[in-house]
Every structure is written in C-alpha cells, then in structure tokens.
Amino acid sequence: GERDALADELAMAVTMQQKLTADLQSLPHLQREVVNLRRQQELTLELLGAREEELDDTQLTCEEMRLIFRSEMDRLMEFVPGSNRWQAPKLPLPPSQRTDQDKE
C-alpha cells in the first residue's frame, strides 16, 4: 500500500531529477545557439537595411533620369515647328516612300 505508493513517488522524483539534469546539461549548448541565432538575425537585418538603401538610391536615380529625359525631350520638341509636346511630331517621309500628293 503506502510503501508502494512511496516507492512510486520516489521513482517519479528520480526520473524527474534525471530529466532536469539532462536539460541542465544541454542548457549551455542552447544558450550558445541562441547567441548565434541573435548574431545571424542582426547581420540579416543589417544586410536587409543595406539592400533597402540601395533600392531607395536606385529608385531616386531612376526618377532623376526620367525627369532629365522628360526635360530633354521637351527641350528638343521646342525645335520642331508646330509641335505639340504631348504629340510626336510628323516627320517628312523619305523620298522613296513619298506619293505624288506628298511631293506637292
């Protein structure tokens, strides 16, 4: 009865103690792993930040180039007589493609 119950309780306590001892022994390894994972996370975040900066710089460069191109196109359109800057100018056809009406 009572003796068996105490023996069972003692066996459970010994089993629990063995499990806790094993867990305690693996703790330093787990702590090192956590430190390594934190380092990797920090490096990954730094790389991500650097890539975001590069992307922002590239987007700004593209926008600047677009504005320069647009400005240059507007400037060139000023030299085309009767041009509407939103409409491509009608250029004369090469002589080989002209019809009789175009020649007049």
PDB file of N, CA and C in Angstrom:
ATOM      1  N   GLY A   1       0.772  -1.168   0.000  1.00  0.00           N
ATOM      2  CA  GLY A   1       0.000   0.000   0.000  1.00  0.00           C
ATOM      3  C   GLY A   1       0.839   1.269   0.000  1.00  0.00           C
ATOM      4  N   GLU A   2       1.038   1.706   1.277  1.00  0.00           N
ATOM      5  CA  GLU A   2       1.694   3.008   1.430  1.00  0.00           C
ATOM      6  C   GLU A   2       3.145   2.936   0.977  1.00  0.00           C
ATOM      7  N   ARG A   3       3.764   1.813   1.239  1.00  0.00           N
ATOM      8  CA  ARG A   3       5.154   1.636   0.836  1.00  0.00           C
ATOM      9  C   ARG A   3       5.286   1.658  -0.688  1.00  0.00           C
ATOM     10  N   ASP A   4       4.368   1.005  -1.397  1.00  0.00           N
ATOM     11  CA  ASP A   4       4.371   1.001  -2.862  1.00  0.00           C
ATOM     12  C   ASP A   4       4.138   2.409  -3.403  1.00  0.00           C
ATOM     13  N   ALA A   5       3.249   3.131  -2.768  1.00  0.00           N
ATOM     14  CA  ALA A   5       2.955   4.499  -3.199  1.00  0.00           C
ATOM     15  C   ALA A   5       4.193   5.375  -3.033  1.00  0.00           C
ATOM     16  N   LEU A   6       4.905   5.202  -1.903  1.00  0.00           N
ATOM     17  CA  LEU A   6       6.129   5.974  -1.670  1.00  0.00           C
ATOM     18  C   LEU A   6       7.216   5.582  -2.664  1.00  0.00           C
ATOM     19  N   ALA A   7       7.307   4.283  -2.984  1.00  0.00           N
ATOM     20  CA  ALA A   7       8.292   3.809  -3.962  1.00  0.00           C
ATOM     21  C   ALA A   7       7.996   4.405  -5.339  1.00  0.00           C
ATOM     22  N   ASP A   8       6.705   4.447  -5.711  1.00  0.00           N
ATOM     23  CA  ASP A   8       6.310   5.043  -6.994  1.00  0.00           C
ATOM     24  C   ASP A   8       6.655   6.535  -7.023  1.00  0.00           C
ATOM     25  N   GLU A   9       6.372   7.195  -5.905  1.00  0.00           N
ATOM     26  CA  GLU A   9       6.665   8.625  -5.811  1.00  0.00           C
ATOM     27  C   GLU A   9       8.162   8.876  -5.906  1.00  0.00           C
ATOM     28  N   LEU A  10       8.961   8.034  -5.239  1.00  0.00           N
ATOM     29  CA  LEU A  10      10.404   8.157  -5.281  1.00  0.00           C
ATOM     30  C   LEU A  10      10.920   7.910  -6.707  1.00  0.00           C
ATOM     31  N   ALA A  11      10.375   6.908  -7.384  1.00  0.00           N
ATOM     32  CA  ALA A  11      10.778   6.599  -8.759  1.00  0.00           C
ATOM     33  C   ALA A  11      10.455   7.787  -9.679  1.00  0.00           C
ATOM     34  N   MET A  12       9.289   8.398  -9.481  1.00  0.00           N
ATOM     35  CA  MET A  12       8.908   9.556 -10.291  1.00  0.00           C
ATOM     36  C   MET A  12       9.843  10.733 -10.010  1.00  0.00           C
ATOM     37  N   ALA A  13      10.214  10.924  -8.750  1.00  0.00           N
ATOM     38  CA  ALA A  13      11.112  12.020  -8.375  1.00  0.00           C
ATOM     39  C   ALA A  13      12.494  11.797  -8.987  1.00  0.00           C
ATOM     40  N   VAL A  14      12.989  10.546  -8.960  1.00  0.00           N
ATOM     41  CA  VAL A  14      14.298  10.233  -9.534  1.00  0.00           C
ATOM     42  C   VAL A  14      14.260  10.460 -11.058  1.00  0.00           C
ATOM     43  N   THR A  15      13.190  10.022 -11.704  1.00  0.00           N
ATOM     44  CA  THR A  15      13.038  10.220 -13.149  1.00  0.00           C
ATOM     45  C   THR A  15      13.022  11.710 -13.489  1.00  0.00           C
ATOM     46  N   MET A  16      12.270  12.479 -12.702  1.00  0.00           N
ATOM     47  CA  MET A  16      12.194  13.924 -12.913  1.00  0.00           C
ATOM     48  C   MET A  16      13.566  14.564 -12.722  1.00  0.00           C
ATOM     49  N   GLN A  17      14.294  14.113 -11.683  1.00  0.00           N
ATOM     50  CA  GLN A  17      15.618  14.659 -11.400  1.00  0.00           C
ATOM     51  C   GLN A  17      16.576  14.350 -12.539  1.00  0.00           C
ATOM     52  N   GLN A  18      16.495  13.143 -13.112  1.00  0.00           N
ATOM     53  CA  GLN A  18      17.348  12.768 -14.229  1.00  0.00           C
ATOM     54  C   GLN A  18      17.036  13.623 -15.474  1.00  0.00           C
ATOM     55  N   LYS A  19      15.760  13.856 -15.701  1.00  0.00           N
ATOM     56  CA  LYS A  19      15.358  14.683 -16.845  1.00  0.00           C
ATOM     57  C   LYS A  19      15.852  16.112 -16.658  1.00  0.00           C
ATOM     58  N   LEU A  20      15.700  16.653 -15.467  1.00  0.00           N
ATOM     59  CA  LEU A  20      16.158  18.014 -15.195  1.00  0.00           C
ATOM     60  C   LEU A  20      17.675  18.123 -15.322  1.00  0.00           C
ATOM     61  N   THR A  21      18.386  17.102 -14.900  1.00  0.00           N
ATOM     62  CA  THR A  21      19.846  17.091 -15.023  1.00  0.00           C
ATOM     63  C   THR A  21      20.254  17.088 -16.492  1.00  0.00           C
ATOM     64  N   ALA A  22      19.562  16.278 -17.303  1.00  0.00           N
ATOM     65  CA  ALA A  22      19.850  16.237 -18.739  1.00  0.00           C
ATOM     66  C   ALA A  22      19.546  17.589 -19.377  1.00  0.00           C
ATOM     67  N   ASP A  23      18.419  18.189 -18.989  1.00  0.00           N
ATOM     68  CA  ASP A  23      18.061  19.507 -19.515  1.00  0.00           C
ATOM     69  C   ASP A  23      19.111  20.549 -19.130  1.00  0.00           C
ATOM     70  N   LEU A  24      19.577  20.477 -17.899  1.00  0.00           N
ATOM     71  CA  LEU A  24      20.573  21.417 -17.402  1.00  0.00           C
ATOM     72  C   LEU A  24      21.895  21.276 -18.164  1.00  0.00           C
ATOM     73  N   GLN A  25      22.245  20.042 -18.512  1.00  0.00           N
ATOM     74  CA  GLN A  25      23.480  19.812 -19.261  1.00  0.00           C
ATOM     75  C   GLN A  25      23.396  20.362 -20.682  1.00  0.00           C
ATOM     76  N   SER A  26      22.206  20.363 -21.255  1.00  0.00           N
ATOM     77  CA  SER A  26      22.062  20.886 -22.624  1.00  0.00           C
ATOM     78  C   SER A  26      21.889  22.407 -22.638  1.00  0.00           C
ATOM     79  N   LEU A  27      21.712  23.017 -21.501  1.00  0.00           N
ATOM     80  CA  LEU A  27      21.479  24.455 -21.416  1.00  0.00           C
ATOM     81  C   LEU A  27      22.618  25.293 -22.021  1.00  0.00           C
ATOM     82  N   PRO A  28      23.896  25.029 -21.712  1.00  0.00           N
ATOM     83  CA  PRO A  28      24.959  25.846 -22.324  1.00  0.00           C
ATOM     84  C   PRO A  28      24.940  25.794 -23.856  1.00  0.00           C
ATOM     85  N   HIS A  29      24.689  24.618 -24.397  1.00  0.00           N
ATOM     86  CA  HIS A  29      24.607  24.471 -25.853  1.00  0.00           C
ATOM     87  C   HIS A  29      23.452  25.318 -26.394  1.00  0.00           C
ATOM     88  N   LEU A  30      22.308  25.255 -25.729  1.00  0.00           N
ATOM     89  CA  LEU A  30      21.153  26.029 -26.181  1.00  0.00           C
ATOM     90  C   LEU A  30      21.407  27.533 -26.059  1.00  0.00           C
ATOM     91  N   GLN A  31      22.124  27.938 -25.011  1.00  0.00           N
ATOM     92  CA  GLN A  31      22.444  29.355 -24.850  1.00  0.00           C
ATOM     93  C   GLN A  31      23.370  29.829 -25.974  1.00  0.00           C
ATOM     94  N   ARG A  32      24.364  29.016 -26.324  1.00  0.00           N
ATOM     95  CA  ARG A  32      25.250  29.374 -27.445  1.00  0.00           C
ATOM     96  C   ARG A  32      24.466  29.470 -28.752  1.00  0.00           C
ATOM     97  N   GLU A  33      23.543  28.555 -28.934  1.00  0.00           N
ATOM     98  CA  GLU A  33      22.725  28.560 -30.144  1.00  0.00           C
ATOM     99  C   GLU A  33      21.871  29.832 -30.221  1.00  0.00           C
ATOM    100  N   VAL A  34      21.317  30.246 -29.085  1.00  0.00           N
ATOM    101  CA  VAL A  34      20.522  31.476 -29.052  1.00  0.00           C
ATOM    102  C   VAL A  34      21.403  32.684 -29.396  1.00  0.00           C
ATOM    103  N   VAL A  35      22.616  32.738 -28.835  1.00  0.00           N
ATOM    104  CA  VAL A  35      23.539  33.835 -29.129  1.00  0.00           C
ATOM    105  C   VAL A  35      23.864  33.853 -30.625  1.00  0.00           C
ATOM    106  N   ASN A  36      24.159  32.697 -31.197  1.00  0.00           N
ATOM    107  CA  ASN A  36      24.475  32.614 -32.631  1.00  0.00           C
ATOM    108  C   ASN A  36      23.287  33.046 -33.492  1.00  0.00           C
ATOM    109  N   LEU A  37      22.085  32.617 -33.116  1.00  0.00           N
ATOM    110  CA  LEU A  37      20.896  32.992 -33.874  1.00  0.00           C
ATOM    111  C   LEU A  37      20.648  34.501 -33.789  1.00  0.00           C
ATOM    112  N   ARG A  38      20.904  35.084 -32.632  1.00  0.00           N
ATOM    113  CA  ARG A  38      20.741  36.538 -32.493  1.00  0.00           C
ATOM    114  C   ARG A  38      21.737  37.274 -33.373  1.00  0.00           C
ATOM    115  N   ARG A  39      22.990  36.778 -33.429  1.00  0.00           N
ATOM    116  CA  ARG A  39      24.003  37.386 -34.310  1.00  0.00           C
ATOM    117  C   ARG A  39      23.569  37.305 -35.769  1.00  0.00           C
ATOM    118  N   GLN A  40      23.090  36.124 -36.162  1.00  0.00           N
ATOM    119  CA  GLN A  40      22.628  35.950 -37.546  1.00  0.00           C
ATOM    120  C   GLN A  40      21.467  36.888 -37.850  1.00  0.00           C
ATOM    121  N   GLN A  41      20.564  37.042 -36.895  1.00  0.00           N
ATOM    122  CA  GLN A  41      19.426  37.931 -37.095  1.00  0.00           C
ATOM    123  C   GLN A  41      19.901  39.379 -37.266  1.00  0.00           C
ATOM    124  N   GLU A  42      20.842  39.805 -36.440  1.00  0.00           N
ATOM    125  CA  GLU A  42      21.368  41.169 -36.542  1.00  0.00           C
ATOM    126  C   GLU A  42      22.041  41.397 -37.898  1.00  0.00           C
ATOM    127  N   LEU A  43      22.858  40.422 -38.328  1.00  0.00           N
ATOM    128  CA  LEU A  43      23.525  40.548 -39.630  1.00  0.00           C
ATOM    129  C   LEU A  43      22.517  40.586 -40.775  1.00  0.00           C
ATOM    130  N   THR A  44      21.499  39.750 -40.674  1.00  0.00           N
ATOM    131  CA  THR A  44      20.458  39.718 -41.704  1.00  0.00           C
ATOM    132  C   THR A  44      19.731  41.052 -41.768  1.00  0.00           C
ATOM    133  N   LEU A  45      19.415  41.620 -40.607  1.00  0.00           N
ATOM    134  CA  LEU A  45      18.734  42.918 -40.583  1.00  0.00           C
ATOM    135  C   LEU A  45      19.629  44.022 -41.146  1.00  0.00           C
ATOM    136  N   GLU A  46      20.927  43.952 -40.846  1.00  0.00           N
ATOM    137  CA  GLU A  46      21.858  44.938 -41.409  1.00  0.00           C
ATOM    138  C   GLU A  46      21.916  44.824 -42.930  1.00  0.00           C
ATOM    139  N   LEU A  47      22.006  43.588 -43.432  1.00  0.00           N
ATOM    140  CA  LEU A  47      22.034  43.383 -44.881  1.00  0.00           C
ATOM    141  C   LEU A  47      20.736  43.857 -45.523  1.00  0.00           C
ATOM    142  N   LEU A  48      19.627  43.566 -44.876  1.00  0.00           N
ATOM    143  CA  LEU A  48      18.331  43.999 -45.393  1.00  0.00           C
ATOM    144  C   LEU A  48      18.271  45.524 -45.448  1.00  0.00           C
ATOM    145  N   GLY A  49      18.766  46.176 -44.398  1.00  0.00           N
ATOM    146  CA  GLY A  49      18.797  47.639 -44.379  1.00  0.00           C
ATOM    147  C   GLY A  49      19.657  48.188 -45.497  1.00  0.00           C
ATOM    148  N   ALA A  50      20.812  47.556 -45.725  1.00  0.00           N
ATOM    149  CA  ALA A  50      21.703  47.994 -46.803  1.00  0.00           C
ATOM    150  C   ALA A  50      21.017  47.819 -48.155  1.00  0.00           C
ATOM    151  N   ARG A  51      20.330  46.713 -48.350  1.00  0.00           N
ATOM    152  CA  ARG A  51      19.632  46.471 -49.623  1.00  0.00           C
ATOM    153  C   ARG A  51      18.512  47.485 -49.811  1.00  0.00           C
ATOM    154  N   GLU A  52      17.798  47.817 -48.737  1.00  0.00           N
ATOM    155  CA  GLU A  52      16.727  48.815 -48.838  1.00  0.00           C
ATOM    156  C   GLU A  52      17.302  50.181 -49.223  1.00  0.00           C
ATOM    157  N   GLU A  53      18.456  50.521 -48.648  1.00  0.00           N
ATOM    158  CA  GLU A  53      19.106  51.789 -49.007  1.00  0.00           C
ATOM    159  C   GLU A  53      19.503  51.785 -50.484  1.00  0.00           C
ATOM    160  N   GLU A  54      20.063  50.674 -50.957  1.00  0.00           N
ATOM    161  CA  GLU A  54      20.449  50.565 -52.363  1.00  0.00           C
ATOM    162  C   GLU A  54      19.222  50.708 -53.264  1.00  0.00           C
ATOM    163  N   LEU A  55      18.134  50.065 -52.859  1.00  0.00           N
ATOM    164  CA  LEU A  55      16.898  50.145 -53.637  1.00  0.00           C
ATOM    165  C   LEU A  55      16.384  51.583 -53.676  1.00  0.00           C
ATOM    166  N   ASP A  56      16.387  52.244 -52.533  1.00  0.00           N
ATOM    167  CA  ASP A  56      15.949  53.649 -52.483  1.00  0.00           C
ATOM    168  C   ASP A  56      16.818  54.519 -53.387  1.00  0.00           C
ATOM    169  N   ASP A  57      18.139  54.320 -53.316  1.00  0.00           N
ATOM    170  CA  ASP A  57      19.056  55.084 -54.161  1.00  0.00           C
ATOM    171  C   ASP A  57      18.785  54.833 -55.645  1.00  0.00           C
ATOM    172  N   THR A  58      18.547  53.573 -55.985  1.00  0.00           N
ATOM    173  CA  THR A  58      18.277  53.215 -57.377  1.00  0.00           C
ATOM    174  C   THR A  58      16.964  53.841 -57.849  1.00  0.00           C
ATOM    175  N   GLN A  59      15.962  53.816 -56.979  1.00  0.00           N
ATOM    176  CA  GLN A  59      14.683  54.421 -57.350  1.00  0.00           C
ATOM    177  C   GLN A  59      14.839  55.930 -57.553  1.00  0.00           C
ATOM    178  N   LEU A  60      15.608  56.582 -56.684  1.00  0.00           N
ATOM    179  CA  LEU A  60      15.843  58.016 -56.840  1.00  0.00           C
ATOM    180  C   LEU A  60      16.592  58.305 -58.141  1.00  0.00           C
ATOM    181  N   THR A  61      17.597  57.488 -58.434  1.00  0.00           N
ATOM    182  CA  THR A  61      18.361  57.659 -59.672  1.00  0.00           C
ATOM    183  C   THR A  61      17.448  57.496 -60.884  1.00  0.00           C
ATOM    184  N   CYS A  62      16.583  56.492 -60.848  1.00  0.00           N
ATOM    185  CA  CYS A  62      15.650  56.268 -61.964  1.00  0.00           C
ATOM    186  C   CYS A  62      14.707  57.461 -62.126  1.00  0.00           C
ATOM    187  N   GLU A  63      14.212  57.972 -61.031  1.00  0.00           N
ATOM    188  CA  GLU A  63      13.318  59.131 -61.092  1.00  0.00           C
ATOM    189  C   GLU A  63      14.061  60.350 -61.645  1.00  0.00           C
ATOM    190  N   GLU A  64      15.299  60.558 -61.205  1.00  0.00           N
ATOM    191  CA  GLU A  64      16.096  61.665 -61.726  1.00  0.00           C
ATOM    192  C   GLU A  64      16.328  61.504 -63.226  1.00  0.00           C
ATOM    193  N   MET A  65      16.655  60.287 -63.647  1.00  0.00           N
ATOM    194  CA  MET A  65      16.890  60.036 -65.073  1.00  0.00           C
ATOM    195  C   MET A  65      15.609  60.257 -65.875  1.00  0.00           C
ATOM    196  N   ARG A  66      14.483  59.861 -65.329  1.00  0.00           N
ATOM    197  CA  ARG A  66      13.199  60.067 -66.005  1.00  0.00           C
ATOM    198  C   ARG A  66      12.934  61.565 -66.182  1.00  0.00           C
ATOM    199  N   LEU A  67      13.179  62.337 -65.125  1.00  0.00           N
ATOM    200  CA  LEU A  67      12.967  63.779 -65.199  1.00  0.00           C
ATOM    201  C   LEU A  67      13.926  64.435 -66.194  1.00  0.00           C
ATOM    202  N   ILE A  68      15.177  63.999 -66.195  1.00  0.00           N
ATOM    203  CA  ILE A  68      16.161  64.527 -67.148  1.00  0.00           C
ATOM    204  C   ILE A  68      15.724  64.196 -68.574  1.00  0.00           C
ATOM    205  N   PHE A  69      15.323  62.960 -68.800  1.00  0.00           N
ATOM    206  CA  PHE A  69      14.881  62.531 -70.125  1.00  0.00           C
ATOM    207  C   PHE A  69      13.677  63.357 -70.567  1.00  0.00           C
ATOM    208  N   ARG A  70      12.705  63.512 -69.660  1.00  0.00           N
ATOM    209  CA  ARG A  70      11.493  64.275 -69.985  1.00  0.00           C
ATOM    210  C   ARG A  70      11.857  65.727 -70.331  1.00  0.00           C
ATOM    211  N   SER A  71      12.734  66.319 -69.534  1.00  0.00           N
ATOM    212  CA  SER A  71      13.159  67.692 -69.765  1.00  0.00           C
ATOM    213  C   SER A  71      13.863  67.817 -71.109  1.00  0.00           C
ATOM    214  N   GLU A  72      14.724  66.875 -71.410  1.00  0.00           N
ATOM    215  CA  GLU A  72      15.458  66.891 -72.681  1.00  0.00           C
ATOM    216  C   GLU A  72      14.498  66.719 -73.857  1.00  0.00           C
ATOM    217  N   MET A  73      13.512  65.848 -73.703  1.00  0.00           N
ATOM    218  CA  MET A  73      12.519  65.655 -74.769  1.00  0.00           C
ATOM    219  C   MET A  73      11.723  66.937 -74.974  1.00  0.00           C
ATOM    220  N   ASP A  74      11.304  67.578 -73.892  1.00  0.00           N
ATOM    221  CA  ASP A  74      10.572  68.844 -74.003  1.00  0.00           C
ATOM    222  C   ASP A  74      11.433  69.892 -74.695  1.00  0.00           C
ATOM    223  N   ARG A  75      12.713  69.959 -74.344  1.00  0.00           N
ATOM    224  CA  ARG A  75      13.622  70.926 -74.946  1.00  0.00           C
ATOM    225  C   ARG A  75      13.776  70.659 -76.446  1.00  0.00           C
ATOM    226  N   LEU A  76      13.926  69.403 -76.814  1.00  0.00           N
ATOM    227  CA  LEU A  76      14.073  69.056 -78.225  1.00  0.00           C
ATOM    228  C   LEU A  76      12.794  69.339 -79.016  1.00  0.00           C
ATOM    229  N   MET A  77      11.644  69.157 -78.384  1.00  0.00           N
ATOM    230  CA  MET A  77      10.371  69.392 -79.068  1.00  0.00           C
ATOM    231  C   MET A  77      10.199  70.874 -79.410  1.00  0.00           C
ATOM    232  N   GLU A  78      10.874  71.743 -78.674  1.00  0.00           N
ATOM    233  CA  GLU A  78      10.793  73.173 -78.973  1.00  0.00           C
ATOM    234  C   GLU A  78      11.388  73.485 -80.348  1.00  0.00           C
ATOM    235  N   PHE A  79      12.284  72.655 -80.837  1.00  0.00           N
ATOM    236  CA  PHE A  79      12.930  72.878 -82.119  1.00  0.00           C
ATOM    237  C   PHE A  79      12.113  72.358 -83.298  1.00  0.00           C
ATOM    238  N   VAL A  80      11.058  71.611 -83.019  1.00  0.00           N
ATOM    239  CA  VAL A  80      10.220  71.067 -84.089  1.00  0.00           C
ATOM    240  C   VAL A  80       9.080  72.052 -84.314  1.00  0.00           C
ATOM    241  N   PRO A  81       9.001  72.665 -85.505  1.00  0.00           N
ATOM    242  CA  PRO A  81       7.960  73.667 -85.752  1.00  0.00           C
ATOM    243  C   PRO A  81       6.562  73.077 -85.637  1.00  0.00           C
ATOM    244  N   GLY A  82       5.673  73.829 -84.971  1.00  0.00           N
ATOM    245  CA  GLY A  82       4.268  73.425 -84.847  1.00  0.00           C
ATOM    246  C   GLY A  82       4.061  72.161 -84.041  1.00  0.00           C
ATOM    247  N   SER A  83       5.016  71.794 -83.216  1.00  0.00           N
ATOM    248  CA  SER A  83       4.852  70.540 -82.472  1.00  0.00           C
ATOM    249  C   SER A  83       4.077  70.780 -81.188  1.00  0.00           C
ATOM    250  N   ASN A  84       3.338  69.793 -80.847  1.00  0.00           N
ATOM    251  CA  ASN A  84       2.664  69.763 -79.561  1.00  0.00           C
ATOM    252  C   ASN A  84       3.513  68.830 -78.712  1.00  0.00           C
ATOM    253  N   ARG A  85       3.962  69.288 -77.573  1.00  0.00           N
ATOM    254  CA  ARG A  85       4.914  68.462 -76.815  1.00  0.00           C
ATOM    255  C   ARG A  85       4.333  67.138 -76.339  1.00  0.00           C
ATOM    256  N   TRP A  86       3.026  66.994 -76.388  1.00  0.00           N
ATOM    257  CA  TRP A  86       2.416  65.725 -75.955  1.00  0.00           C
ATOM    258  C   TRP A  86       2.145  64.811 -77.135  1.00  0.00           C
ATOM    259  N   GLN A  87       2.463  65.301 -78.332  1.00  0.00           N
ATOM    260  CA  GLN A  87       2.201  64.510 -79.528  1.00  0.00           C
ATOM    261  C   GLN A  87       3.502  64.411 -80.320  1.00  0.00           C
ATOM    262  N   ALA A  88       3.800  63.247 -80.792  1.00  0.00           N
ATOM    263  CA  ALA A  88       5.033  63.069 -81.561  1.00  0.00           C
ATOM    264  C   ALA A  88       4.942  63.873 -82.847  1.00  0.00           C
ATOM    265  N   PRO A  89       6.018  64.526 -83.252  1.00  0.00           N
ATOM    266  CA  PRO A  89       5.979  65.335 -84.474  1.00  0.00           C
ATOM    267  C   PRO A  89       5.869  64.444 -85.707  1.00  0.00           C
ATOM    268  N   LYS A  90       5.234  64.990 -86.748  1.00  0.00           N
ATOM    269  CA  LYS A  90       5.139  64.258 -88.015  1.00  0.00           C
ATOM    270  C   LYS A  90       6.359  64.641 -88.835  1.00  0.00           C
ATOM    271  N   LEU A  91       7.190  63.700 -89.053  1.00  0.00           N
ATOM    272  CA  LEU A  91       8.419  63.940 -89.810  1.00  0.00           C
ATOM    273  C   LEU A  91       8.147  63.667 -91.287  1.00  0.00           C
ATOM    274  N   PRO A  92       8.850  64.364 -92.186  1.00  0.00           N
ATOM    275  CA  PRO A  92       8.643  64.097 -93.619  1.00  0.00           C
ATOM    276  C   PRO A  92       9.080  62.693 -93.980  1.00  0.00           C
ATOM    277  N   LEU A  93       8.366  62.119 -94.922  1.00  0.00           N
ATOM    278  CA  LEU A  93       8.714  60.766 -95.390  1.00  0.00           C
ATOM    279  C   LEU A  93       9.974  60.825 -96.232  1.00  0.00           C
ATOM    280  N   PRO A  94      10.762  59.777 -96.215  1.00  0.00           N
ATOM    281  CA  PRO A  94      11.923  59.729 -97.107  1.00  0.00           C
ATOM    282  C   PRO A  94      11.436  59.728 -98.558  1.00  0.00           C
ATOM    283  N   PRO A  95      12.220  60.256 -99.482  1.00  0.00           N
ATOM    284  CA  PRO A  95      11.788  60.356-100.895  1.00  0.00           C
ATOM    285  C   PRO A  95      11.288  59.029-101.466  1.00  0.00           C
ATOM    286  N   SER A  96      11.859  57.933-101.077  1.00  0.00           N
ATOM    287  CA  SER A  96      11.449  56.646-101.655  1.00  0.00           C
ATOM    288  C   SER A  96      10.034  56.245-101.212  1.00  0.00           C
ATOM    289  N   GLN A  97       9.507  56.845-100.129  1.00  0.00           N
ATOM    290  CA  GLN A  97       8.181  56.459 -99.631  1.00  0.00           C
ATOM    291  C   GLN A  97       7.109  57.521 -99.934  1.00  0.00           C
ATOM    292  N   ARG A  98       7.476  58.597-100.575  1.00  0.00           N
ATOM    293  CA  ARG A  98       6.524  59.670-100.863  1.00  0.00           C
ATOM    294  C   ARG A  98       5.609  59.303-102.025  1.00  0.00           C
ATOM    295  N   THR A  99       4.360  59.737-101.894  1.00  0.00           N
ATOM    296  CA  THR A  99       3.415  59.583-103.010  1.00  0.00           C
ATOM    297  C   THR A  99       3.404  60.884-103.780  1.00  0.00           C
ATOM    298  N   ASP A 100       2.671  60.946-104.889  1.00  0.00           N
ATOM    299  CA  ASP A 100       2.597  62.169-105.680  1.00  0.00           C
ATOM    300  C   ASP A 100       2.017  63.315-104.865  1.00  0.00           C
ATOM    301  N   GLN A 101       1.040  63.026-104.009  1.00  0.00           N
ATOM    302  CA  GLN A 101       0.436  64.085-103.191  1.00  0.00           C
ATOM    303  C   GLN A 101       1.450  64.653-102.196  1.00  0.00           C
ATOM    304  N   ASP A 102       2.291  63.777-101.631  1.00  0.00           N
ATOM    305  CA  ASP A 102       3.298  64.233-100.664  1.00  0.00           C
ATOM    306  C   ASP A 102       4.329  65.125-101.314  1.00  0.00           C
ATOM    307  N   LYS A 103       4.590  64.927-102.603  1.00  0.00           N
ATOM    308  CA  LYS A 103       5.649  65.680-103.290  1.00  0.00           C
ATOM    309  C   LYS A 103       5.233  67.125-103.561  1.00  0.00           C
ATOM    310  N   GLU A 104       3.935  67.374-103.577  1.00  0.00           N
ATOM    311  CA  GLU A 104       3.451  68.728-103.901  1.00  0.00           C
ATOM    312  C   GLU A 104       3.601  69.678-102.777  1.00  0.00           C
TER     313      GLU A 104
END
